[in-house]
Amino acid sequence: MTSTVTAAAVSKNFGAYQDAAVREPVIITKNGRPRTVLIAYEDYVRLAKRDRRVELSAMLGDDELAAIEASQMEPGLDHLNAELLTDKHAAD
């Protein structure tokens, strides 16, 4: 489970939150909103090395496009749609 704390709390007890971040990510809020995340160095390295594969939709064939259009999200993952509706993820 991820911890959520205020920036002021982290400032007052940084060492404890560093220790907590080794076990799980610590979300740091400012003015009541998530602003940064404190994570273990190993997690950072793993995420930094992760390759993202991006392809143009024009490179997909008709069969692949039809499969995408016919696909459905697995039950229980509907909460992920909320990420698409936030300003941070909106297309410019």
Protein backbone atom coordinates (compact mmCIF):
# COMPACT_ATOMS: atom_id res chain seq x y z
CA MET A 1 0.00 0.00 0.00
CA THR A 2 1.25 3.48 -0.85
CA SER A 3 1.56 6.15 1.85
CA THR A 4 0.39 9.72 1.29
CA VAL A 5 1.86 12.52 3.41
CA THR A 6 2.17 16.28 3.33
CA ALA A 7 5.36 18.04 2.32
CA ALA A 8 5.50 19.57 5.81
CA ALA A 9 5.43 16.11 7.42
CA VAL A 10 8.25 14.92 5.16
CA SER A 11 10.26 18.03 5.98
CA LYS A 12 9.93 17.38 9.71
CA ASN A 13 10.80 13.68 9.57
CA PHE A 14 12.63 13.06 6.29
CA GLY A 15 14.63 10.07 7.55
CA ALA A 16 11.52 8.11 8.50
CA TYR A 17 9.93 8.73 5.11
CA GLN A 18 13.17 7.73 3.36
CA ASP A 19 12.98 4.42 5.22
CA ALA A 20 9.29 4.05 4.35
CA ALA A 21 10.03 4.69 0.65
CA VAL A 22 12.35 1.68 0.57
CA ARG A 23 9.30 -0.48 1.38
CA GLU A 24 6.67 1.36 -0.67
CA PRO A 25 6.28 4.61 -2.62
CA VAL A 26 5.47 7.70 -0.55
CA ILE A 27 3.22 10.24 -2.27
CA ILE A 28 3.99 13.77 -1.09
CA THR A 29 1.19 16.31 -1.30
CA LYS A 30 1.27 20.10 -1.47
CA ASN A 31 -1.89 22.09 -0.83
CA GLY A 32 -3.82 18.83 -0.63
CA ARG A 33 -2.77 17.59 -4.07
CA PRO A 34 -0.25 14.88 -4.98
CA ARG A 35 2.94 16.58 -6.16
CA THR A 36 5.90 14.19 -5.92
CA VAL A 37 6.68 10.58 -5.08
CA LEU A 38 9.57 9.32 -2.98
CA ILE A 39 10.67 5.84 -4.12
CA ALA A 40 13.50 3.44 -3.46
CA TYR A 41 16.59 3.90 -5.62
CA GLU A 42 16.20 0.37 -7.02
CA ASP A 43 12.67 1.20 -8.18
CA TYR A 44 13.93 4.38 -9.82
CA VAL A 45 16.66 2.48 -11.68
CA ARG A 46 14.16 -0.13 -12.84
CA LEU A 47 11.74 2.52 -14.09
CA ALA A 48 14.49 4.56 -15.75
CA LYS A 49 15.67 1.55 -17.73
CA ARG A 50 12.23 0.60 -18.89
CA ASP A 51 11.88 0.89 -22.65
CA ARG A 52 8.80 2.42 -24.13
CA ARG A 53 7.83 1.16 -27.52
CA VAL A 54 5.91 3.62 -29.63
CA GLU A 55 4.53 2.91 -33.07
CA LEU A 56 2.55 5.07 -35.40
CA SER A 57 -1.00 3.86 -35.90
CA ALA A 58 -0.35 4.27 -39.64
CA MET A 59 2.14 1.40 -39.33
CA LEU A 60 -0.60 -1.00 -38.18
CA GLY A 61 -2.36 -3.26 -40.63
CA ASP A 62 -6.12 -3.57 -41.07
CA ASP A 63 -6.26 -6.78 -39.01
CA GLU A 64 -4.38 -5.16 -36.12
CA LEU A 65 -6.61 -2.08 -36.19
CA ALA A 66 -9.73 -4.26 -36.23
CA ALA A 67 -8.42 -6.23 -33.24
CA ILE A 68 -7.81 -3.01 -31.32
CA GLU A 69 -11.28 -1.69 -32.13
CA ALA A 70 -12.88 -4.96 -31.00
CA SER A 71 -10.88 -5.20 -27.76
CA GLN A 72 -12.42 -4.73 -24.33
CA MET A 73 -10.84 -3.87 -21.01
CA GLU A 74 -10.60 -6.63 -18.43
CA PRO A 75 -13.18 -6.41 -15.63
CA GLY A 76 -11.87 -4.57 -12.60
CA LEU A 77 -9.65 -2.16 -14.54
CA ASP A 78 -12.25 0.51 -15.26
CA HIS A 79 -10.62 2.80 -12.68
CA LEU A 80 -7.76 3.28 -15.14
CA ASN A 81 -10.06 5.31 -17.38
CA ALA A 82 -9.93 8.10 -14.79
CA GLU A 83 -6.27 8.66 -15.70
CA LEU A 84 -7.30 9.54 -19.23
CA LEU A 85 -9.61 12.26 -17.95
CA THR A 86 -7.09 14.19 -15.86
CA ASP A 87 -5.48 17.38 -17.16
CA LYS A 88 -2.00 15.86 -16.72
CA HIS A 89 -2.72 13.14 -19.28
CA ALA A 90 -4.87 15.16 -21.67
CA ALA A 91 -3.62 15.68 -25.18
CA ASP A 92 -2.48 19.19 -26.02
